[in-house]
PDB file of N, CA and C in Angstrom:
ATOM      1  N   MET A   1     -22.043 -11.964   1.489  1.00  0.00           N
ATOM      2  CA  MET A   1     -21.148 -10.865   1.204  1.00  0.00           C
ATOM      3  C   MET A   1     -20.357 -10.489   2.464  1.00  0.00           C
ATOM      4  N   GLU A   2     -20.949 -10.660   3.651  1.00  0.00           N
ATOM      5  CA  GLU A   2     -20.260 -10.331   4.890  1.00  0.00           C
ATOM      6  C   GLU A   2     -19.004 -11.184   5.070  1.00  0.00           C
ATOM      7  N   LYS A   3     -19.101 -12.478   4.714  1.00  0.00           N
ATOM      8  CA  LYS A   3     -17.933 -13.361   4.836  1.00  0.00           C
ATOM      9  C   LYS A   3     -16.814 -12.923   3.907  1.00  0.00           C
ATOM     10  N   VAL A   4     -17.175 -12.439   2.733  1.00  0.00           N
ATOM     11  CA  VAL A   4     -16.163 -11.979   1.780  1.00  0.00           C
ATOM     12  C   VAL A   4     -15.455 -10.747   2.334  1.00  0.00           C
ATOM     13  N   PHE A   5     -16.217  -9.767   2.815  1.00  0.00           N
ATOM     14  CA  PHE A   5     -15.597  -8.557   3.365  1.00  0.00           C
ATOM     15  C   PHE A   5     -14.742  -8.887   4.578  1.00  0.00           C
ATOM     16  N   SER A   6     -15.208  -9.781   5.411  1.00  0.00           N
ATOM     17  CA  SER A   6     -14.431 -10.194   6.580  1.00  0.00           C
ATOM     18  C   SER A   6     -13.128 -10.859   6.143  1.00  0.00           C
ATOM     19  N   ALA A   7     -13.204 -11.706   5.135  1.00  0.00           N
ATOM     20  CA  ALA A   7     -12.011 -12.388   4.633  1.00  0.00           C
ATOM     21  C   ALA A   7     -11.027 -11.387   4.028  1.00  0.00           C
ATOM     22  N   LEU A   8     -11.537 -10.372   3.365  1.00  0.00           N
ATOM     23  CA  LEU A   8     -10.683  -9.381   2.721  1.00  0.00           C
ATOM     24  C   LEU A   8     -10.045  -8.402   3.699  1.00  0.00           C
ATOM     25  N   ALA A   9     -10.497  -8.427   4.953  1.00  0.00           N
ATOM     26  CA  ALA A   9     -10.001  -7.483   5.950  1.00  0.00           C
ATOM     27  C   ALA A   9      -8.553  -7.739   6.346  1.00  0.00           C
ATOM     28  N   ASP A  10      -8.041  -8.927   6.065  1.00  0.00           N
ATOM     29  CA  ASP A  10      -6.687  -9.276   6.476  1.00  0.00           C
ATOM     30  C   ASP A  10      -5.723  -9.197   5.295  1.00  0.00           C
ATOM     31  N   GLY A  11      -4.580  -8.568   5.505  1.00  0.00           N
ATOM     32  CA  GLY A  11      -3.588  -8.400   4.457  1.00  0.00           C
ATOM     33  C   GLY A  11      -3.007  -9.710   3.934  1.00  0.00           C
ATOM     34  N   ASN A  12      -2.823 -10.676   4.813  1.00  0.00           N
ATOM     35  CA  ASN A  12      -2.304 -11.970   4.364  1.00  0.00           C
ATOM     36  C   ASN A  12      -3.290 -12.644   3.409  1.00  0.00           C
ATOM     37  N   ARG A  13      -4.563 -12.540   3.716  1.00  0.00           N
ATOM     38  CA  ARG A  13      -5.569 -13.156   2.848  1.00  0.00           C
ATOM     39  C   ARG A  13      -5.657 -12.427   1.514  1.00  0.00           C
ATOM     40  N   ARG A  14      -5.511 -11.109   1.542  1.00  0.00           N
ATOM     41  CA  ARG A  14      -5.507 -10.360   0.276  1.00  0.00           C
ATOM     42  C   ARG A  14      -4.298 -10.756  -0.571  1.00  0.00           C
ATOM     43  N   LYS A  15      -3.163 -10.998   0.090  1.00  0.00           N
ATOM     44  CA  LYS A  15      -1.973 -11.427  -0.656  1.00  0.00           C
ATOM     45  C   LYS A  15      -2.194 -12.811  -1.265  1.00  0.00           C
ATOM     46  N   VAL A  16      -2.858 -13.716  -0.538  1.00  0.00           N
ATOM     47  CA  VAL A  16      -3.183 -15.040  -1.094  1.00  0.00           C
ATOM     48  C   VAL A  16      -4.003 -14.864  -2.368  1.00  0.00           C
ATOM     49  N   ILE A  17      -5.003 -13.982  -2.314  1.00  0.00           N
ATOM     50  CA  ILE A  17      -5.852 -13.731  -3.478  1.00  0.00           C
ATOM     51  C   ILE A  17      -5.014 -13.205  -4.640  1.00  0.00           C
ATOM     52  N   GLU A  18      -4.116 -12.264  -4.357  1.00  0.00           N
ATOM     53  CA  GLU A  18      -3.254 -11.715  -5.411  1.00  0.00           C
ATOM     54  C   GLU A  18      -2.401 -12.804  -6.047  1.00  0.00           C
ATOM     55  N   LEU A  19      -1.822 -13.661  -5.225  1.00  0.00           N
ATOM     56  CA  LEU A  19      -0.971 -14.725  -5.748  1.00  0.00           C
ATOM     57  C   LEU A  19      -1.778 -15.747  -6.552  1.00  0.00           C
ATOM     58  N   LEU A  20      -2.961 -16.102  -6.054  1.00  0.00           N
ATOM     59  CA  LEU A  20      -3.783 -17.071  -6.774  1.00  0.00           C
ATOM     60  C   LEU A  20      -4.363 -16.481  -8.053  1.00  0.00           C
ATOM     61  N   HIS A  21      -4.442 -15.161  -8.103  1.00  0.00           N
ATOM     62  CA  HIS A  21      -4.888 -14.508  -9.334  1.00  0.00           C
ATOM     63  C   HIS A  21      -3.912 -14.796 -10.470  1.00  0.00           C
ATOM     64  N   GLN A  22      -2.661 -15.023 -10.123  1.00  0.00           N
ATOM     65  CA  GLN A  22      -1.632 -15.341 -11.114  1.00  0.00           C
ATOM     66  C   GLN A  22      -1.706 -16.801 -11.566  1.00  0.00           C
ATOM     67  N   GLY A  23      -2.383 -17.638 -10.787  1.00  0.00           N
ATOM     68  CA  GLY A  23      -2.519 -19.051 -11.141  1.00  0.00           C
ATOM     69  C   GLY A  23      -2.647 -19.925  -9.904  1.00  0.00           C
ATOM     70  N   ASP A  24      -3.117 -21.140 -10.108  1.00  0.00           N
ATOM     71  CA  ASP A  24      -3.280 -22.090  -9.014  1.00  0.00           C
ATOM     72  C   ASP A  24      -1.948 -22.350  -8.326  1.00  0.00           C
ATOM     73  N   SER A  25      -2.036 -22.716  -7.064  1.00  0.00           N
ATOM     74  CA  SER A  25      -0.826 -22.955  -6.291  1.00  0.00           C
ATOM     75  C   SER A  25      -1.123 -23.959  -5.187  1.00  0.00           C
ATOM     76  N   THR A  26      -0.098 -24.661  -4.750  1.00  0.00           N
ATOM     77  CA  THR A  26      -0.279 -25.546  -3.600  1.00  0.00           C
ATOM     78  C   THR A  26      -0.100 -24.717  -2.332  1.00  0.00           C
ATOM     79  N   LEU A  27      -0.601 -25.226  -1.247  1.00  0.00           N
ATOM     80  CA  LEU A  27      -0.450 -24.559   0.039  1.00  0.00           C
ATOM     81  C   LEU A  27       1.031 -24.444   0.393  1.00  0.00           C
ATOM     82  N   LEU A  28       1.787 -25.471   0.077  1.00  0.00           N
ATOM     83  CA  LEU A  28       3.227 -25.454   0.344  1.00  0.00           C
ATOM     84  C   LEU A  28       3.919 -24.349  -0.456  1.00  0.00           C
ATOM     85  N   GLU A  29       3.594 -24.218  -1.736  1.00  0.00           N
ATOM     86  CA  GLU A  29       4.182 -23.158  -2.563  1.00  0.00           C
ATOM     87  C   GLU A  29       3.833 -21.778  -2.019  1.00  0.00           C
ATOM     88  N   LEU A  30       2.578 -21.596  -1.611  1.00  0.00           N
ATOM     89  CA  LEU A  30       2.166 -20.307  -1.059  1.00  0.00           C
ATOM     90  C   LEU A  30       2.897 -20.002   0.243  1.00  0.00           C
ATOM     91  N   SER A  31       3.078 -21.024   1.069  1.00  0.00           N
ATOM     92  CA  SER A  31       3.692 -20.804   2.381  1.00  0.00           C
ATOM     93  C   SER A  31       5.112 -20.255   2.259  1.00  0.00           C
ATOM     94  N   GLU A  32       5.777 -20.542   1.157  1.00  0.00           N
ATOM     95  CA  GLU A  32       7.132 -20.038   0.931  1.00  0.00           C
ATOM     96  C   GLU A  32       7.147 -18.533   0.662  1.00  0.00           C
ATOM     97  N   ARG A  33       5.988 -17.966   0.368  1.00  0.00           N
ATOM     98  CA  ARG A  33       5.885 -16.536   0.020  1.00  0.00           C
ATOM     99  C   ARG A  33       5.420 -15.677   1.193  1.00  0.00           C
ATOM    100  N   PHE A  34       5.239 -16.309   2.374  1.00  0.00           N
ATOM    101  CA  PHE A  34       4.714 -15.600   3.537  1.00  0.00           C
ATOM    102  C   PHE A  34       5.657 -15.717   4.726  1.00  0.00           C
ATOM    103  N   PRO A  35       5.734 -14.650   5.530  1.00  0.00           N
ATOM    104  CA  PRO A  35       6.583 -14.692   6.721  1.00  0.00           C
ATOM    105  C   PRO A  35       5.868 -15.297   7.943  1.00  0.00           C
ATOM    106  N   ILE A  36       4.747 -15.976   7.703  1.00  0.00           N
ATOM    107  CA  ILE A  36       3.988 -16.573   8.801  1.00  0.00           C
ATOM    108  C   ILE A  36       4.112 -18.092   8.720  1.00  0.00           C
ATOM    109  N   SER A  37       3.732 -18.769   9.798  1.00  0.00           N
ATOM    110  CA  SER A  37       3.854 -20.229   9.826  1.00  0.00           C
ATOM    111  C   SER A  37       2.885 -20.889   8.850  1.00  0.00           C
ATOM    112  N   PHE A  38       3.204 -22.107   8.497  1.00  0.00           N
ATOM    113  CA  PHE A  38       2.345 -22.907   7.623  1.00  0.00           C
ATOM    114  C   PHE A  38       0.950 -23.038   8.246  1.00  0.00           C
ATOM    115  N   GLN A  39       0.905 -23.257   9.564  1.00  0.00           N
ATOM    116  CA  GLN A  39      -0.369 -23.411  10.263  1.00  0.00           C
ATOM    117  C   GLN A  39      -1.196 -22.120  10.215  1.00  0.00           C
ATOM    118  N   ALA A  40      -0.528 -20.993  10.388  1.00  0.00           N
ATOM    119  CA  ALA A  40      -1.237 -19.705  10.328  1.00  0.00           C
ATOM    120  C   ALA A  40      -1.795 -19.471   8.926  1.00  0.00           C
ATOM    121  N   LEU A  41      -0.993 -19.778   7.907  1.00  0.00           N
ATOM    122  CA  LEU A  41      -1.462 -19.620   6.533  1.00  0.00           C
ATOM    123  C   LEU A  41      -2.634 -20.551   6.255  1.00  0.00           C
ATOM    124  N   SER A  42      -2.550 -21.752   6.777  1.00  0.00           N
ATOM    125  CA  SER A  42      -3.635 -22.721   6.605  1.00  0.00           C
ATOM    126  C   SER A  42      -4.944 -22.194   7.208  1.00  0.00           C
ATOM    127  N   ARG A  43      -4.857 -21.528   8.340  1.00  0.00           N
ATOM    128  CA  ARG A  43      -6.065 -20.930   8.949  1.00  0.00           C
ATOM    129  C   ARG A  43      -6.634 -19.829   8.050  1.00  0.00           C
ATOM    130  N   HIS A  44      -5.748 -19.029   7.452  1.00  0.00           N
ATOM    131  CA  HIS A  44      -6.204 -17.984   6.529  1.00  0.00           C
ATOM    132  C   HIS A  44      -6.897 -18.610   5.313  1.00  0.00           C
ATOM    133  N   ILE A  45      -6.352 -19.699   4.819  1.00  0.00           N
ATOM    134  CA  ILE A  45      -6.951 -20.387   3.673  1.00  0.00           C
ATOM    135  C   ILE A  45      -8.343 -20.897   4.032  1.00  0.00           C
ATOM    136  N   LYS A  46      -8.510 -21.412   5.235  1.00  0.00           N
ATOM    137  CA  LYS A  46      -9.825 -21.906   5.664  1.00  0.00           C
ATOM    138  C   LYS A  46     -10.858 -20.777   5.674  1.00  0.00           C
ATOM    139  N   ILE A  47     -10.439 -19.602   6.073  1.00  0.00           N
ATOM    140  CA  ILE A  47     -11.352 -18.445   6.068  1.00  0.00           C
ATOM    141  C   ILE A  47     -11.722 -18.079   4.631  1.00  0.00           C
ATOM    142  N   LEU A  48     -10.742 -18.105   3.737  1.00  0.00           N
ATOM    143  CA  LEU A  48     -11.019 -17.819   2.327  1.00  0.00           C
ATOM    144  C   LEU A  48     -11.923 -18.884   1.713  1.00  0.00           C
ATOM    145  N   GLU A  49     -11.763 -20.131   2.129  1.00  0.00           N
ATOM    146  CA  GLU A  49     -12.637 -21.206   1.656  1.00  0.00           C
ATOM    147  C   GLU A  49     -14.058 -21.002   2.172  1.00  0.00           C
ATOM    148  N   ALA A  50     -14.189 -20.639   3.439  1.00  0.00           N
ATOM    149  CA  ALA A  50     -15.515 -20.423   4.029  1.00  0.00           C
ATOM    150  C   ALA A  50     -16.251 -19.282   3.331  1.00  0.00           C
ATOM    151  N   ALA A  51     -15.493 -18.296   2.863  1.00  0.00           N
ATOM    152  CA  ALA A  51     -16.081 -17.165   2.133  1.00  0.00           C
ATOM    153  C   ALA A  51     -16.272 -17.499   0.657  1.00  0.00           C
ATOM    154  N   GLU A  52     -15.878 -18.705   0.271  1.00  0.00           N
ATOM    155  CA  GLU A  52     -15.995 -19.199  -1.110  1.00  0.00           C
ATOM    156  C   GLU A  52     -15.193 -18.363  -2.102  1.00  0.00           C
ATOM    157  N   ILE A  53     -14.055 -17.828  -1.619  1.00  0.00           N
ATOM    158  CA  ILE A  53     -13.154 -17.073  -2.475  1.00  0.00           C
ATOM    159  C   ILE A  53     -12.098 -17.999  -3.067  1.00  0.00           C
ATOM    160  N   VAL A  54     -11.770 -19.039  -2.320  1.00  0.00           N
ATOM    161  CA  VAL A  54     -10.745 -19.994  -2.722  1.00  0.00           C
ATOM    162  C   VAL A  54     -11.327 -21.400  -2.660  1.00  0.00           C
ATOM    163  N   ASP A  55     -10.933 -22.213  -3.614  1.00  0.00           N
ATOM    164  CA  ASP A  55     -11.329 -23.616  -3.638  1.00  0.00           C
ATOM    165  C   ASP A  55     -10.061 -24.453  -3.474  1.00  0.00           C
ATOM    166  N   LYS A  56     -10.158 -25.512  -2.688  1.00  0.00           N
ATOM    167  CA  LYS A  56      -9.009 -26.392  -2.466  1.00  0.00           C
ATOM    168  C   LYS A  56      -9.377 -27.789  -2.936  1.00  0.00           C
ATOM    169  N   ARG A  57      -8.496 -28.382  -3.733  1.00  0.00           N
ATOM    170  CA  ARG A  57      -8.715 -29.746  -4.196  1.00  0.00           C
ATOM    171  C   ARG A  57      -7.445 -30.552  -3.966  1.00  0.00           C
ATOM    172  N   LYS A  58      -7.624 -31.835  -3.814  1.00  0.00           N
ATOM    173  CA  LYS A  58      -6.484 -32.709  -3.574  1.00  0.00           C
ATOM    174  C   LYS A  58      -5.993 -33.277  -4.899  1.00  0.00           C
ATOM    175  N   GLU A  59      -4.692 -33.153  -5.128  1.00  0.00           N
ATOM    176  CA  GLU A  59      -4.031 -33.751  -6.294  1.00  0.00           C
ATOM    177  C   GLU A  59      -2.840 -34.531  -5.764  1.00  0.00           C
ATOM    178  N   GLY A  60      -2.995 -35.830  -5.662  1.00  0.00           N
ATOM    179  CA  GLY A  60      -1.950 -36.657  -5.067  1.00  0.00           C
ATOM    180  C   GLY A  60      -1.797 -36.308  -3.608  1.00  0.00           C
ATOM    181  N   LYS A  61      -0.576 -35.997  -3.200  1.00  0.00           N
ATOM    182  CA  LYS A  61      -0.353 -35.642  -1.797  1.00  0.00           C
ATOM    183  C   LYS A  61      -0.445 -34.137  -1.552  1.00  0.00           C
ATOM    184  N   TYR A  62      -0.775 -33.373  -2.585  1.00  0.00           N
ATOM    185  CA  TYR A  62      -0.824 -31.918  -2.468  1.00  0.00           C
ATOM    186  C   TYR A  62      -2.254 -31.400  -2.431  1.00  0.00           C
ATOM    187  N   ARG A  63      -2.409 -30.222  -1.825  1.00  0.00           N
ATOM    188  CA  ARG A  63      -3.664 -29.489  -1.851  1.00  0.00           C
ATOM    189  C   ARG A  63      -3.455 -28.305  -2.791  1.00  0.00           C
ATOM    190  N   VAL A  64      -4.217 -28.267  -3.872  1.00  0.00           N
ATOM    191  CA  VAL A  64      -4.080 -27.200  -4.865  1.00  0.00           C
ATOM    192  C   VAL A  64      -5.181 -26.179  -4.624  1.00  0.00           C
ATOM    193  N   LEU A  65      -4.783 -24.925  -4.572  1.00  0.00           N
ATOM    194  CA  LEU A  65      -5.713 -23.831  -4.316  1.00  0.00           C
ATOM    195  C   LEU A  65      -6.006 -23.089  -5.608  1.00  0.00           C
ATOM    196  N   THR A  66      -7.272 -22.750  -5.787  1.00  0.00           N
ATOM    197  CA  THR A  66      -7.739 -22.028  -6.964  1.00  0.00           C
ATOM    198  C   THR A  66      -8.573 -20.836  -6.512  1.00  0.00           C
ATOM    199  N   LEU A  67      -8.345 -19.703  -7.140  1.00  0.00           N
ATOM    200  CA  LEU A  67      -9.148 -18.515  -6.871  1.00  0.00           C
ATOM    201  C   LEU A  67     -10.503 -18.648  -7.545  1.00  0.00           C
ATOM    202  N   LYS A  68     -11.560 -18.271  -6.833  1.00  0.00           N
ATOM    203  CA  LYS A  68     -12.912 -18.257  -7.392  1.00  0.00           C
ATOM    204  C   LYS A  68     -13.346 -16.788  -7.514  1.00  0.00           C
ATOM    205  N   PRO A  69     -12.922 -16.114  -8.576  1.00  0.00           N
ATOM    206  CA  PRO A  69     -13.180 -14.678  -8.687  1.00  0.00           C
ATOM    207  C   PRO A  69     -14.659 -14.309  -8.729  1.00  0.00           C
ATOM    208  N   GLU A  70     -15.514 -15.252  -9.127  1.00  0.00           N
ATOM    209  CA  GLU A  70     -16.950 -14.933  -9.168  1.00  0.00           C
ATOM    210  C   GLU A  70     -17.495 -14.591  -7.781  1.00  0.00           C
ATOM    211  N   SER A  71     -16.823 -15.056  -6.728  1.00  0.00           N
ATOM    212  CA  SER A  71     -17.276 -14.755  -5.368  1.00  0.00           C
ATOM    213  C   SER A  71     -17.074 -13.285  -5.020  1.00  0.00           C
ATOM    214  N   LEU A  72     -16.240 -12.601  -5.775  1.00  0.00           N
ATOM    215  CA  LEU A  72     -15.972 -11.188  -5.518  1.00  0.00           C
ATOM    216  C   LEU A  72     -16.891 -10.267  -6.308  1.00  0.00           C
ATOM    217  N   LYS A  73     -17.714 -10.851  -7.169  1.00  0.00           N
ATOM    218  CA  LYS A  73     -18.564 -10.057  -8.063  1.00  0.00           C
ATOM    219  C   LYS A  73     -19.567  -9.185  -7.296  1.00  0.00           C
ATOM    220  N   GLU A  74     -20.312  -9.756  -6.367  1.00  0.00           N
ATOM    221  CA  GLU A  74     -21.318  -8.975  -5.633  1.00  0.00           C
ATOM    222  C   GLU A  74     -20.690  -7.889  -4.761  1.00  0.00           C
ATOM    223  N   PRO A  75     -19.632  -8.200  -3.980  1.00  0.00           N
ATOM    224  CA  PRO A  75     -19.002  -7.117  -3.215  1.00  0.00           C
ATOM    225  C   PRO A  75     -18.441  -6.012  -4.110  1.00  0.00           C
ATOM    226  N   LEU A  76     -17.874  -6.389  -5.256  1.00  0.00           N
ATOM    227  CA  LEU A  76     -17.348  -5.391  -6.185  1.00  0.00           C
ATOM    228  C   LEU A  76     -18.467  -4.511  -6.727  1.00  0.00           C
ATOM    229  N   LYS A  77     -19.589  -5.117  -7.013  1.00  0.00           N
ATOM    230  CA  LYS A  77     -20.757  -4.368  -7.495  1.00  0.00           C
ATOM    231  C   LYS A  77     -21.208  -3.360  -6.430  1.00  0.00           C
ATOM    232  N   TRP A  78     -21.223  -3.800  -5.174  1.00  0.00           N
ATOM    233  CA  TRP A  78     -21.627  -2.925  -4.074  1.00  0.00           C
ATOM    234  C   TRP A  78     -20.647  -1.766  -3.927  1.00  0.00           C
ATOM    235  N   ILE A  79     -19.351  -2.067  -3.987  1.00  0.00           N
ATOM    236  CA  ILE A  79     -18.325  -1.029  -3.858  1.00  0.00           C
ATOM    237  C   ILE A  79     -18.386  -0.060  -5.034  1.00  0.00           C
ATOM    238  N   SER A  80     -18.588  -0.579  -6.240  1.00  0.00           N
ATOM    239  CA  SER A  80     -18.600   0.290  -7.423  1.00  0.00           C
ATOM    240  C   SER A  80     -19.752   1.287  -7.372  1.00  0.00           C
ATOM    241  N   HIS A  81     -20.848   0.927  -6.694  1.00  0.00           N
ATOM    242  CA  HIS A  81     -21.960   1.868  -6.525  1.00  0.00           C
ATOM    243  C   HIS A  81     -21.454   3.130  -5.830  1.00  0.00           C
ATOM    244  N   TYR A  82     -20.633   2.963  -4.806  1.00  0.00           N
ATOM    245  CA  TYR A  82     -20.110   4.108  -4.068  1.00  0.00           C
ATOM    246  C   TYR A  82     -18.981   4.790  -4.826  1.00  0.00           C
ATOM    247  N   SER A  83     -18.260   4.055  -5.616  1.00  0.00           N
ATOM    248  CA  SER A  83     -17.233   4.642  -6.469  1.00  0.00           C
ATOM    249  C   SER A  83     -17.896   5.576  -7.479  1.00  0.00           C
ATOM    250  N   ASP A  84     -18.999   5.131  -8.058  1.00  0.00           N
ATOM    251  CA  ASP A  84     -19.743   5.969  -8.998  1.00  0.00           C
ATOM    252  C   ASP A  84     -20.209   7.249  -8.314  1.00  0.00           C
ATOM    253  N   PHE A  85     -20.687   7.130  -7.067  1.00  0.00           N
ATOM    254  CA  PHE A  85     -21.140   8.296  -6.304  1.00  0.00           C
ATOM    255  C   PHE A  85     -20.018   9.319  -6.179  1.00  0.00           C
ATOM    256  N   TRP A  86     -18.822   8.851  -5.764  1.00  0.00           N
ATOM    257  CA  TRP A  86     -17.708   9.780  -5.577  1.00  0.00           C
ATOM    258  C   TRP A  86     -17.239  10.370  -6.894  1.00  0.00           C
ATOM    259  N   ASN A  87     -17.200   9.582  -7.939  1.00  0.00           N
ATOM    260  CA  ASN A  87     -16.791  10.102  -9.241  1.00  0.00           C
ATOM    261  C   ASN A  87     -17.753  11.186  -9.714  1.00  0.00           C
ATOM    262  N   GLU A  88     -19.051  10.957  -9.531  1.00  0.00           N
ATOM    263  CA  GLU A  88     -20.048  11.961  -9.918  1.00  0.00           C
ATOM    264  C   GLU A  88     -19.906  13.216  -9.069  1.00  0.00           C
ATOM    265  N   SER A  89     -19.637  13.045  -7.769  1.00  0.00           N
ATOM    266  CA  SER A  89     -19.475  14.194  -6.880  1.00  0.00           C
ATOM    267  C   SER A  89     -18.273  15.040  -7.284  1.00  0.00           C
ATOM    268  N   PHE A  90     -17.156  14.380  -7.607  1.00  0.00           N
ATOM    269  CA  PHE A  90     -15.968  15.122  -8.034  1.00  0.00           C
ATOM    270  C   PHE A  90     -16.196  15.813  -9.375  1.00  0.00           C
ATOM    271  N   GLU A  91     -16.944  15.179 -10.250  1.00  0.00           N
ATOM    272  CA  GLU A  91     -17.255  15.793 -11.539  1.00  0.00           C
ATOM    273  C   GLU A  91     -18.098  17.048 -11.333  1.00  0.00           C
ATOM    274  N   LYS A  92     -19.078  16.986 -10.438  1.00  0.00           N
ATOM    275  CA  LYS A  92     -19.909  18.158 -10.126  1.00  0.00           C
ATOM    276  C   LYS A  92     -19.062  19.275  -9.533  1.00  0.00           C
ATOM    277  N   LEU A  93     -18.129  18.913  -8.643  1.00  0.00           N
ATOM    278  CA  LEU A  93     -17.252  19.908  -8.037  1.00  0.00           C
ATOM    279  C   LEU A  93     -16.375  20.561  -9.106  1.00  0.00           C
ATOM    280  N   HIS A  94     -15.848  19.770 -10.001  1.00  0.00           N
ATOM    281  CA  HIS A  94     -15.016  20.299 -11.082  1.00  0.00           C
ATOM    282  C   HIS A  94     -15.805  21.288 -11.944  1.00  0.00           C
ATOM    283  N   LYS A  95     -17.044  20.944 -12.283  1.00  0.00           N
ATOM    284  CA  LYS A  95     -17.886  21.837 -13.087  1.00  0.00           C
ATOM    285  C   LYS A  95     -18.179  23.131 -12.340  1.00  0.00           C
ATOM    286  N   LEU A  96     -18.434  23.034 -11.031  1.00  0.00           N
ATOM    287  CA  LEU A  96     -18.699  24.218 -10.213  1.00  0.00           C
ATOM    288  C   LEU A  96     -17.478  25.127 -10.182  1.00  0.00           C
ATOM    289  N   ILE A  97     -16.316  24.552 -10.016  1.00  0.00           N
ATOM    290  CA  ILE A  97     -15.072  25.341 -10.008  1.00  0.00           C
ATOM    291  C   ILE A  97     -14.875  26.029 -11.349  1.00  0.00           C
ATOM    292  N   ASP A  98     -15.131  25.313 -12.439  1.00  0.00           N
ATOM    293  CA  ASP A  98     -15.002  25.914 -13.768  1.00  0.00           C
ATOM    294  C   ASP A  98     -15.974  27.070 -13.948  1.00  0.00           C
ATOM    295  N   ARG A  99     -17.221  26.889 -13.477  1.00  0.00           N
ATOM    296  CA  ARG A  99     -18.233  27.954 -13.606  1.00  0.00           C
ATOM    297  C   ARG A  99     -17.862  29.171 -12.776  1.00  0.00           C
ATOM    298  N   GLN A 100     -17.263  28.964 -11.632  1.00  0.00           N
ATOM    299  CA  GLN A 100     -16.906  30.067 -10.740  1.00  0.00           C
ATOM    300  C   GLN A 100     -15.597  30.742 -11.160  1.00  0.00           C
ATOM    301  N   GLY A 101     -14.875  30.124 -12.089  1.00  0.00           N
ATOM    302  CA  GLY A 101     -13.627  30.704 -12.542  1.00  0.00           C
ATOM    303  C   GLY A 101     -12.507  30.539 -11.525  1.00  0.00           C
ATOM    304  N   ILE A 102     -12.635  29.557 -10.682  1.00  0.00           N
ATOM    305  CA  ILE A 102     -11.617  29.319  -9.652  1.00  0.00           C
ATOM    306  C   ILE A 102     -10.600  28.326 -10.213  1.00  0.00           C
ATOM    307  N   HIS A 103      -9.361  28.766 -10.315  1.00  0.00           N
ATOM    308  CA  HIS A 103      -8.307  27.902 -10.855  1.00  0.00           C
ATOM    309  C   HIS A 103      -7.101  27.965  -9.937  1.00  0.00           C
ATOM    310  N   GLY A 104      -6.522  26.833  -9.683  1.00  0.00           N
ATOM    311  CA  GLY A 104      -5.362  26.741  -8.815  1.00  0.00           C
ATOM    312  C   GLY A 104      -4.074  27.199  -9.454  1.00  0.00           C
ATOM    313  N   ASP A 105      -4.076  27.441 -10.775  1.00  0.00           N
ATOM    314  CA  ASP A 105      -2.839  27.795 -11.447  1.00  0.00           C
ATOM    315  C   ASP A 105      -2.616  29.305 -11.512  1.00  0.00           C
ATOM    316  N   ASP A 106      -3.548  30.125 -11.004  1.00  0.00           N
ATOM    317  CA  ASP A 106      -3.384  31.593 -10.990  1.00  0.00           C
ATOM    318  C   ASP A 106      -2.466  31.971  -9.855  1.00  0.00           C
ATOM    319  N   LYS A 107      -1.444  32.797 -10.153  1.00  0.00           N
ATOM    320  CA  LYS A 107      -0.513  33.239  -9.104  1.00  0.00           C
ATOM    321  C   LYS A 107      -0.449  34.737  -9.080  1.00  0.00           C
TER     322      LYS A 107
END
């Protein structure tokens, strides 16, 4: 899970994930969508591969990239635990405000 969070820390890598979510793509096709060099993008792809978020396969002379969304399942589960905590906390606060009769619309 640490490799996934580390990989997600970079905006370029998150953009790769967003683009691959729309469908498989070659490294060359992806490179046209980024303001960074082909070599820099290739390094980002290697990090995503190491985190098992992206899979790369060879098709002829091209490298085709595929998103592996199952790799995001455990980190998402961990994050959702804290999302549930905050949602419950806000719900409790809302109930407390209602019980106290405190409303922001009174002028």
